[in-house]
Amino acid sequence: THALELNINKIVMTVISIREELIAWYNRHGF
């Protein structure tokens, strides 16, 4: 919502590569 209020439609982030369960969680949420 914050991004869209700023007219920005891309969100980027970084996750430690060996945090597979966390990467999977973000994948399930569209990342």
Full PDB file with SEQRES, HELIX, SHEET, SSBOND, CRYST1, ORIGX, SCALE, CONECT and MASTER records, all heavy atoms in Angstrom:
SEQRES   1 A   31  THR HIS ALA LEU GLU LEU ASN ILE ASN LYS ILE VAL MET          
SEQRES   2 A   31  THR VAL ILE SER ILE ARG GLU GLU LEU ILE ALA TRP TYR          
SEQRES   3 A   31  ASN ARG HIS GLY PHE                                          
HELIX    1 AA1 HIS A    2  GLU A    5  1                                   4    
HELIX    2 AA2 GLU A   20  ARG A   28  1                                   9    
CRYST1    1.000    1.000    1.000  90.00  90.00  90.00 P 1           1          
ORIGX1      1.000000  0.000000  0.000000        0.00000                         
ORIGX2      0.000000  1.000000  0.000000        0.00000                         
ORIGX3      0.000000  0.000000  1.000000        0.00000                         
SCALE1      1.000000  0.000000  0.000000        0.00000                         
SCALE2      0.000000  1.000000  0.000000        0.00000                         
SCALE3      0.000000  0.000000  1.000000        0.00000                         
ATOM      1  N   THR A   1       0.841  -1.204   0.000  1.00  0.00           N  
ATOM      2  CA  THR A   1       0.000   0.000   0.000  1.00  0.00           C  
ATOM      3  C   THR A   1       0.872   1.249   0.000  1.00  0.00           C  
ATOM      4  O   THR A   1       0.618   2.201  -0.747  1.00  0.00           O  
ATOM      5  CB  THR A   1      -0.942  -0.008   1.223  1.00  0.00           C  
ATOM      6  OG1 THR A   1      -1.783  -1.167   1.139  1.00  0.00           O  
ATOM      7  CG2 THR A   1      -1.789   1.249   1.287  1.00  0.00           C  
ATOM      8  N   HIS A   2       1.905   1.259   0.814  1.00  0.00           N  
ATOM      9  CA  HIS A   2       2.842   2.383   0.881  1.00  0.00           C  
ATOM     10  C   HIS A   2       3.468   2.631  -0.490  1.00  0.00           C  
ATOM     11  O   HIS A   2       3.539   3.772  -0.959  1.00  0.00           O  
ATOM     12  CB  HIS A   2       3.912   2.100   1.934  1.00  0.00           C  
ATOM     13  CG  HIS A   2       4.956   3.146   2.061  1.00  0.00           C  
ATOM     14  ND1 HIS A   2       4.756   4.328   2.743  1.00  0.00           N  
ATOM     15  CD2 HIS A   2       6.228   3.216   1.579  1.00  0.00           C  
ATOM     16  CE1 HIS A   2       5.857   5.067   2.680  1.00  0.00           C  
ATOM     17  NE2 HIS A   2       6.761   4.418   1.983  1.00  0.00           N  
ATOM     18  N   ALA A   3       3.926   1.564  -1.131  1.00  0.00           N  
ATOM     19  CA  ALA A   3       4.547   1.695  -2.455  1.00  0.00           C  
ATOM     20  C   ALA A   3       3.559   2.295  -3.453  1.00  0.00           C  
ATOM     21  O   ALA A   3       3.902   3.231  -4.195  1.00  0.00           O  
ATOM     22  CB  ALA A   3       5.042   0.336  -2.942  1.00  0.00           C  
ATOM     23  N   LEU A   4       2.351   1.769  -3.463  1.00  0.00           N  
ATOM     24  CA  LEU A   4       1.351   2.251  -4.423  1.00  0.00           C  
ATOM     25  C   LEU A   4       0.973   3.708  -4.155  1.00  0.00           C  
ATOM     26  O   LEU A   4       0.710   4.465  -5.095  1.00  0.00           O  
ATOM     27  CB  LEU A   4       0.120   1.345  -4.409  1.00  0.00           C  
ATOM     28  CG  LEU A   4       0.367  -0.068  -4.963  1.00  0.00           C  
ATOM     29  CD1 LEU A   4      -0.862  -0.956  -4.747  1.00  0.00           C  
ATOM     30  CD2 LEU A   4       0.764  -0.027  -6.433  1.00  0.00           C  
ATOM     31  N   GLU A   5       0.956   4.109  -2.883  1.00  0.00           N  
ATOM     32  CA  GLU A   5       0.677   5.512  -2.546  1.00  0.00           C  
ATOM     33  C   GLU A   5       1.754   6.434  -3.113  1.00  0.00           C  
ATOM     34  O   GLU A   5       1.497   7.604  -3.363  1.00  0.00           O  
ATOM     35  CB  GLU A   5       0.569   5.684  -1.032  1.00  0.00           C  
ATOM     36  CG  GLU A   5      -0.715   5.129  -0.462  1.00  0.00           C  
ATOM     37  CD  GLU A   5      -0.740   5.101   1.058  1.00  0.00           C  
ATOM     38  OE1 GLU A   5       0.298   5.376   1.707  1.00  0.00           O  
ATOM     39  OE2 GLU A   5      -1.808   4.781   1.616  1.00  0.00           O  
ATOM     40  N   LEU A   6       2.954   5.899  -3.301  1.00  0.00           N  
ATOM     41  CA  LEU A   6       4.058   6.666  -3.882  1.00  0.00           C  
ATOM     42  C   LEU A   6       4.148   6.471  -5.398  1.00  0.00           C  
ATOM     43  O   LEU A   6       5.111   6.910  -6.027  1.00  0.00           O  
ATOM     44  CB  LEU A   6       5.387   6.252  -3.232  1.00  0.00           C  
ATOM     45  CG  LEU A   6       5.517   6.544  -1.740  1.00  0.00           C  
ATOM     46  CD1 LEU A   6       6.796   5.929  -1.184  1.00  0.00           C  
ATOM     47  CD2 LEU A   6       5.473   8.039  -1.466  1.00  0.00           C  
ATOM     48  N   ASN A   7       3.131   5.800  -5.962  1.00  0.00           N  
ATOM     49  CA  ASN A   7       3.100   5.471  -7.401  1.00  0.00           C  
ATOM     50  C   ASN A   7       4.295   4.617  -7.816  1.00  0.00           C  
ATOM     51  O   ASN A   7       4.857   4.805  -8.900  1.00  0.00           O  
ATOM     52  CB  ASN A   7       3.012   6.737  -8.261  1.00  0.00           C  
ATOM     53  CG  ASN A   7       1.688   7.446  -8.064  1.00  0.00           C  
ATOM     54  OD1 ASN A   7       0.638   6.807  -8.065  1.00  0.00           O  
ATOM     55  ND2 ASN A   7       1.745   8.745  -7.865  1.00  0.00           N  
ATOM     56  N   ILE A   8       4.683   3.705  -6.948  1.00  0.00           N  
ATOM     57  CA  ILE A   8       5.774   2.765  -7.218  1.00  0.00           C  
ATOM     58  C   ILE A   8       5.177   1.361  -7.186  1.00  0.00           C  
ATOM     59  O   ILE A   8       4.459   1.018  -6.248  1.00  0.00           O  
ATOM     60  CB  ILE A   8       6.900   2.907  -6.164  1.00  0.00           C  
ATOM     61  CG1 ILE A   8       7.500   4.322  -6.226  1.00  0.00           C  
ATOM     62  CG2 ILE A   8       7.977   1.844  -6.369  1.00  0.00           C  
ATOM     63  CD1 ILE A   8       8.477   4.635  -5.107  1.00  0.00           C  
ATOM     64  N   ASN A   9       5.465   0.571  -8.223  1.00  0.00           N  
ATOM     65  CA  ASN A   9       4.856  -0.757  -8.264  1.00  0.00           C  
ATOM     66  C   ASN A   9       5.850  -1.910  -8.122  1.00  0.00           C  
ATOM     67  O   ASN A   9       5.505  -3.062  -8.351  1.00  0.00           O  
ATOM     68  CB  ASN A   9       4.022  -0.934  -9.535  1.00  0.00           C  
ATOM     69  CG  ASN A   9       4.871  -1.034 -10.781  1.00  0.00           C  
ATOM     70  OD1 ASN A   9       6.067  -0.752 -10.752  1.00  0.00           O  
ATOM     71  ND2 ASN A   9       4.258  -1.434 -11.878  1.00  0.00           N  
ATOM     72  N   LYS A  10       7.079  -1.605  -7.735  1.00  0.00           N  
ATOM     73  CA  LYS A  10       8.078  -2.665  -7.566  1.00  0.00           C  
ATOM     74  C   LYS A  10       8.671  -2.605  -6.157  1.00  0.00           C  
ATOM     75  O   LYS A  10       9.097  -1.544  -5.701  1.00  0.00           O  
ATOM     76  CB  LYS A  10       9.199  -2.526  -8.586  1.00  0.00           C  
ATOM     77  CG  LYS A  10      10.214  -3.672  -8.522  1.00  0.00           C  
ATOM     78  CD  LYS A  10      11.463  -3.415  -9.358  1.00  0.00           C  
ATOM     79  CE  LYS A  10      11.160  -3.355 -10.825  1.00  0.00           C  
ATOM     80  NZ  LYS A  10      12.416  -3.241 -11.630  1.00  0.00           N  
ATOM     81  N   ILE A  11       8.682  -3.760  -5.501  1.00  0.00           N  
ATOM     82  CA  ILE A  11       9.309  -3.891  -4.185  1.00  0.00           C  
ATOM     83  C   ILE A  11      10.447  -4.885  -4.319  1.00  0.00           C  
ATOM     84  O   ILE A  11      10.262  -5.973  -4.880  1.00  0.00           O  
ATOM     85  CB  ILE A  11       8.301  -4.363  -3.119  1.00  0.00           C  
ATOM     86  CG1 ILE A  11       7.157  -3.348  -2.979  1.00  0.00           C  
ATOM     87  CG2 ILE A  11       8.996  -4.578  -1.776  1.00  0.00           C  
ATOM     88  CD1 ILE A  11       6.060  -3.766  -2.018  1.00  0.00           C  
ATOM     89  N   VAL A  12      11.610  -4.520  -3.847  1.00  0.00           N  
ATOM     90  CA  VAL A  12      12.770  -5.415  -3.868  1.00  0.00           C  
ATOM     91  C   VAL A  12      13.260  -5.632  -2.441  1.00  0.00           C  
ATOM     92  O   VAL A  12      13.012  -4.807  -1.553  1.00  0.00           O  
ATOM     93  CB  VAL A  12      13.925  -4.862  -4.744  1.00  0.00           C  
ATOM     94  CG1 VAL A  12      13.516  -4.759  -6.188  1.00  0.00           C  
ATOM     95  CG2 VAL A  12      14.433  -3.545  -4.222  1.00  0.00           C  
ATOM     96  N   MET A  13      13.935  -6.733  -2.252  1.00  0.00           N  
ATOM     97  CA  MET A  13      14.462  -7.060  -0.934  1.00  0.00           C  
ATOM     98  C   MET A  13      15.606  -8.041  -1.083  1.00  0.00           C  
ATOM     99  O   MET A  13      15.801  -8.612  -2.162  1.00  0.00           O  
ATOM    100  CB  MET A  13      13.372  -7.657  -0.055  1.00  0.00           C  
ATOM    101  CG  MET A  13      12.854  -8.980  -0.574  1.00  0.00           C  
ATOM    102  SD  MET A  13      11.562  -9.690   0.435  1.00  0.00           S  
ATOM    103  CE  MET A  13      12.269  -9.590   2.037  1.00  0.00           C  
ATOM    104  N   THR A  14      16.348  -8.234  -0.012  1.00  0.00           N  
ATOM    105  CA  THR A  14      17.414  -9.232  -0.012  1.00  0.00           C  
ATOM    106  C   THR A  14      17.199 -10.182   1.164  1.00  0.00           C  
ATOM    107  O   THR A  14      16.728  -9.769   2.234  1.00  0.00           O  
ATOM    108  CB  THR A  14      18.813  -8.586   0.103  1.00  0.00           C  
ATOM    109  OG1 THR A  14      18.858  -7.758   1.272  1.00  0.00           O  
ATOM    110  CG2 THR A  14      19.135  -7.758  -1.132  1.00  0.00           C  
ATOM    111  N   VAL A  15      17.520 -11.460   0.932  1.00  0.00           N  
ATOM    112  CA  VAL A  15      17.413 -12.492   1.962  1.00  0.00           C  
ATOM    113  C   VAL A  15      18.696 -13.318   1.900  1.00  0.00           C  
ATOM    114  O   VAL A  15      19.188 -13.609   0.805  1.00  0.00           O  
ATOM    115  CB  VAL A  15      16.188 -13.402   1.722  1.00  0.00           C  
ATOM    116  CG1 VAL A  15      16.095 -14.495   2.780  1.00  0.00           C  
ATOM    117  CG2 VAL A  15      14.893 -12.596   1.696  1.00  0.00           C  
ATOM    118  N   ILE A  16      19.214 -13.698   3.043  1.00  0.00           N  
ATOM    119  CA  ILE A  16      20.402 -14.548   3.072  1.00  0.00           C  
ATOM    120  C   ILE A  16      20.110 -15.833   2.308  1.00  0.00           C  
ATOM    121  O   ILE A  16      19.106 -16.501   2.542  1.00  0.00           O  
ATOM    122  CB  ILE A  16      20.839 -14.846   4.520  1.00  0.00           C  
ATOM    123  CG1 ILE A  16      21.214 -13.548   5.246  1.00  0.00           C  
ATOM    124  CG2 ILE A  16      22.011 -15.824   4.540  1.00  0.00           C  
ATOM    125  CD1 ILE A  16      21.487 -13.715   6.729  1.00  0.00           C  
ATOM    126  N   SER A  17      20.999 -16.169   1.384  1.00  0.00           N  
ATOM    127  CA  SER A  17      20.756 -17.252   0.426  1.00  0.00           C  
ATOM    128  C   SER A  17      20.466 -18.607   1.061  1.00  0.00           C  
ATOM    129  O   SER A  17      19.680 -19.383   0.498  1.00  0.00           O  
ATOM    130  CB  SER A  17      21.946 -17.384  -0.528  1.00  0.00           C  
ATOM    131  OG  SER A  17      23.125 -17.644   0.213  1.00  0.00           O  
ATOM    132  N   ILE A  18      21.042 -18.897   2.204  1.00  0.00           N  
ATOM    133  CA  ILE A  18      20.803 -20.217   2.809  1.00  0.00           C  
ATOM    134  C   ILE A  18      19.554 -20.242   3.688  1.00  0.00           C  
ATOM    135  O   ILE A  18      19.240 -21.266   4.282  1.00  0.00           O  
ATOM    136  CB  ILE A  18      22.040 -20.734   3.581  1.00  0.00           C  
ATOM    137  CG1 ILE A  18      22.446 -19.788   4.692  1.00  0.00           C  
ATOM    138  CG2 ILE A  18      23.188 -20.981   2.625  1.00  0.00           C  
ATOM    139  CD1 ILE A  18      23.620 -20.294   5.539  1.00  0.00           C  
ATOM    140  N   ARG A  19      18.797 -19.149   3.701  1.00  0.00           N  
ATOM    141  CA  ARG A  19      17.527 -19.086   4.450  1.00  0.00           C  
ATOM    142  C   ARG A  19      16.382 -19.574   3.556  1.00  0.00           C  
ATOM    143  O   ARG A  19      15.451 -18.845   3.227  1.00  0.00           O  
ATOM    144  CB  ARG A  19      17.264 -17.654   4.920  1.00  0.00           C  
ATOM    145  CG  ARG A  19      18.307 -17.042   5.840  1.00  0.00           C  
ATOM    146  CD  ARG A  19      18.375 -17.701   7.213  1.00  0.00           C  
ATOM    147  NE  ARG A  19      17.078 -17.922   7.798  1.00  0.00           N  
ATOM    148  CZ  ARG A  19      16.357 -17.004   8.450  1.00  0.00           C  
ATOM    149  NH1 ARG A  19      16.809 -15.795   8.608  1.00  0.00           N  
ATOM    150  NH2 ARG A  19      15.182 -17.308   8.963  1.00  0.00           N  
ATOM    151  N   GLU A  20      16.464 -20.833   3.149  1.00  0.00           N  
ATOM    152  CA  GLU A  20      15.531 -21.385   2.174  1.00  0.00           C  
ATOM    153  C   GLU A  20      14.071 -21.292   2.617  1.00  0.00           C  
ATOM    154  O   GLU A  20      13.194 -21.003   1.803  1.00  0.00           O  
ATOM    155  CB  GLU A  20      15.914 -22.831   1.857  1.00  0.00           C  
ATOM    156  CG  GLU A  20      17.249 -22.927   1.144  1.00  0.00           C  
ATOM    157  CD  GLU A  20      17.731 -24.357   0.963  1.00  0.00           C  
ATOM    158  OE1 GLU A  20      16.956 -25.297   1.228  1.00  0.00           O  
ATOM    159  OE2 GLU A  20      18.891 -24.516   0.543  1.00  0.00           O  
ATOM    160  N   GLU A  21      13.803 -21.505   3.901  1.00  0.00           N  
ATOM    161  CA  GLU A  21      12.423 -21.451   4.390  1.00  0.00           C  
ATOM    162  C   GLU A  21      11.879 -20.019   4.313  1.00  0.00           C  
ATOM    163  O   GLU A  21      10.699 -19.809   4.030  1.00  0.00           O  
ATOM    164  CB  GLU A  21      12.318 -22.014   5.808  1.00  0.00           C  
ATOM    165  CG  GLU A  21      12.879 -21.132   6.917  1.00  0.00           C  
ATOM    166  CD  GLU A  21      14.410 -20.988   6.970  1.00  0.00           C  
ATOM    167  OE1 GLU A  21      15.136 -21.702   6.245  1.00  0.00           O  
ATOM    168  OE2 GLU A  21      14.888 -20.142   7.751  1.00  0.00           O  
ATOM    169  N   LEU A  22      12.737 -19.045   4.532  1.00  0.00           N  
ATOM    170  CA  LEU A  22      12.315 -17.650   4.459  1.00  0.00           C  
ATOM    171  C   LEU A  22      12.100 -17.226   3.003  1.00  0.00           C  
ATOM    172  O   LEU A  22      11.109 -16.555   2.687  1.00  0.00           O  
ATOM    173  CB  LEU A  22      13.364 -16.760   5.132  1.00  0.00           C  
ATOM    174  CG  LEU A  22      12.973 -15.323   5.436  1.00  0.00           C  
ATOM    175  CD1 LEU A  22      11.682 -15.252   6.234  1.00  0.00           C  
ATOM    176  CD2 LEU A  22      14.100 -14.628   6.191  1.00  0.00           C  
ATOM    177  N   ILE A  23      12.991 -17.644   2.127  1.00  0.00           N  
ATOM    178  CA  ILE A  23      12.817 -17.367   0.694  1.00  0.00           C  
ATOM    179  C   ILE A  23      11.517 -17.993   0.199  1.00  0.00           C  
ATOM    180  O   ILE A  23      10.747 -17.363  -0.534  1.00  0.00           O  
ATOM    181  CB  ILE A  23      14.040 -17.858  -0.110  1.00  0.00           C  
ATOM    182  CG1 ILE A  23      15.271 -17.012   0.246  1.00  0.00           C  
ATOM    183  CG2 ILE A  23      13.761 -17.812  -1.615  1.00  0.00           C  
ATOM    184  CD1 ILE A  23      16.591 -17.566  -0.267  1.00  0.00           C  
ATOM    185  N   ALA A  24      11.226 -19.212   0.633  1.00  0.00           N  
ATOM    186  CA  ALA A  24       9.978 -19.885   0.237  1.00  0.00           C  
ATOM    187  C   ALA A  24       8.763 -19.102   0.735  1.00  0.00           C  
ATOM    188  O   ALA A  24       7.759 -18.985   0.022  1.00  0.00           O  
ATOM    189  CB  ALA A  24       9.953 -21.316   0.770  1.00  0.00           C  
ATOM    190  N   TRP A  25       8.838 -18.542   1.950  1.00  0.00           N  
ATOM    191  CA  TRP A  25       7.726 -17.752   2.488  1.00  0.00           C  
ATOM    192  C   TRP A  25       7.488 -16.523   1.607  1.00  0.00           C  
ATOM    193  O   TRP A  25       6.353 -16.211   1.253  1.00  0.00           O  
ATOM    194  CB  TRP A  25       8.037 -17.336   3.933  1.00  0.00           C  
ATOM    195  CG  TRP A  25       6.893 -16.664   4.636  1.00  0.00           C  
ATOM    196  CD1 TRP A  25       5.872 -17.272   5.306  1.00  0.00           C  
ATOM    197  CD2 TRP A  25       6.651 -15.249   4.746  1.00  0.00           C  
ATOM    198  NE1 TRP A  25       5.014 -16.321   5.817  1.00  0.00           N  
ATOM    199  CE2 TRP A  25       5.473 -15.084   5.493  1.00  0.00           C  
ATOM    200  CE3 TRP A  25       7.322 -14.128   4.285  1.00  0.00           C  
ATOM    201  CZ2 TRP A  25       4.952 -13.832   5.796  1.00  0.00           C  
ATOM    202  CZ3 TRP A  25       6.795 -12.876   4.586  1.00  0.00           C  
ATOM    203  CH2 TRP A  25       5.626 -12.736   5.331  1.00  0.00           C  
ATOM    204  N   TYR A  26       8.565 -15.835   1.239  1.00  0.00           N  
ATOM    205  CA  TYR A  26       8.415 -14.669   0.368  1.00  0.00           C  
ATOM    206  C   TYR A  26       7.912 -15.075  -1.019  1.00  0.00           C  
ATOM    207  O   TYR A  26       7.102 -14.355  -1.613  1.00  0.00           O  
ATOM    208  CB  TYR A  26       9.726 -13.880   0.271  1.00  0.00           C  
ATOM    209  CG  TYR A  26       9.992 -13.054   1.505  1.00  0.00           C  
ATOM    210  CD1 TYR A  26      11.045 -13.361   2.358  1.00  0.00           C  
ATOM    211  CD2 TYR A  26       9.184 -11.970   1.829  1.00  0.00           C  
ATOM    212  CE1 TYR A  26      11.282 -12.601   3.500  1.00  0.00           C  
ATOM    213  CE2 TYR A  26       9.413 -11.213   2.963  1.00  0.00           C  
ATOM    214  CZ  TYR A  26      10.465 -11.532   3.795  1.00  0.00           C  
ATOM    215  OH  TYR A  26      10.683 -10.776   4.925  1.00  0.00           O  
ATOM    216  N   ASN A  27       8.357 -16.206  -1.525  1.00  0.00           N  
ATOM    217  CA  ASN A  27       7.850 -16.707  -2.813  1.00  0.00           C  
ATOM    218  C   ASN A  27       6.340 -16.907  -2.741  1.00  0.00           C  
ATOM    219  O   ASN A  27       5.616 -16.534  -3.674  1.00  0.00           O  
ATOM    220  CB  ASN A  27       8.516 -18.024  -3.210  1.00  0.00           C  
ATOM    221  CG  ASN A  27       9.969 -17.898  -3.611  1.00  0.00           C  
ATOM    222  OD1 ASN A  27      10.697 -18.888  -3.610  1.00  0.00           O  
ATOM    223  ND2 ASN A  27      10.429 -16.707  -3.957  1.00  0.00           N  
ATOM    224  N   ARG A  28       5.867 -17.483  -1.647  1.00  0.00           N  
ATOM    225  CA  ARG A  28       4.417 -17.698  -1.477  1.00  0.00           C  
ATOM    226  C   ARG A  28       3.655 -16.377  -1.419  1.00  0.00           C  
ATOM    227  O   ARG A  28       2.448 -16.341  -1.641  1.00  0.00           O  
ATOM    228  CB  ARG A  28       4.138 -18.524  -0.220  1.00  0.00           C  
ATOM    229  CG  ARG A  28       4.537 -19.978  -0.348  1.00  0.00           C  
ATOM    230  CD  ARG A  28       3.995 -20.834   0.790  1.00  0.00           C  
ATOM    231  NE  ARG A  28       4.387 -20.412   2.116  1.00  0.00           N  
ATOM    232  CZ  ARG A  28       5.528 -20.763   2.737  1.00  0.00           C  
ATOM    233  NH1 ARG A  28       6.411 -21.534   2.116  1.00  0.00           N  
ATOM    234  NH2 ARG A  28       5.773 -20.345   3.962  1.00  0.00           N  
ATOM    235  N   HIS A  29       4.355 -15.295  -1.107  1.00  0.00           N  
ATOM    236  CA  HIS A  29       3.722 -13.974  -1.022  1.00  0.00           C  
ATOM    237  C   HIS A  29       4.034 -13.102  -2.234  1.00  0.00           C  
ATOM    238  O   HIS A  29       3.933 -11.881  -2.175  1.00  0.00           O  
ATOM    239  CB  HIS A  29       4.097 -13.301   0.297  1.00  0.00           C  
ATOM    240  CG  HIS A  29       3.481 -14.000   1.463  1.00  0.00           C  
ATOM    241  ND1 HIS A  29       4.087 -15.056   2.100  1.00  0.00           N  
ATOM    242  CD2 HIS A  29       2.282 -13.850   2.060  1.00  0.00           C  
ATOM    243  CE1 HIS A  29       3.294 -15.504   3.048  1.00  0.00           C  
ATOM    244  NE2 HIS A  29       2.190 -14.783   3.045  1.00  0.00           N  
ATOM    245  N   GLY A  30       4.422 -13.755  -3.330  1.00  0.00           N  
ATOM    246  CA  GLY A  30       4.542 -13.058  -4.603  1.00  0.00           C  
ATOM    247  C   GLY A  30       5.923 -12.549  -4.970  1.00  0.00           C  
ATOM    248  O   GLY A  30       6.084 -11.932  -6.023  1.00  0.00           O  
ATOM    249  N   PHE A  31       6.920 -12.780  -4.143  1.00  0.00           N  
ATOM    250  CA  PHE A  31       8.272 -12.341  -4.460  1.00  0.00           C  
ATOM    251  C   PHE A  31       8.980 -13.415  -5.280  1.00  0.00           C  
ATOM    252  O   PHE A  31       8.821 -14.605  -5.025  1.00  0.00           O  
ATOM    253  CB  PHE A  31       9.078 -12.058  -3.181  1.00  0.00           C  
ATOM    254  CG  PHE A  31       8.690 -10.776  -2.513  1.00  0.00           C  
ATOM    255  CD1 PHE A  31       7.610 -10.722  -1.646  1.00  0.00           C  
ATOM    256  CD2 PHE A  31       9.398  -9.603  -2.758  1.00  0.00           C  
ATOM    257  CE1 PHE A  31       7.239  -9.542  -1.028  1.00  0.00           C  
ATOM    258  CE2 PHE A  31       9.037  -8.420  -2.148  1.00  0.00           C  
ATOM    259  CZ  PHE A  31       7.958  -8.379  -1.284  1.00  0.00           C  
TER     260      PHE A  31                                                      
MASTER        0    0    0    2    0    0    0    6  259    1    0    3          
END                                                                             
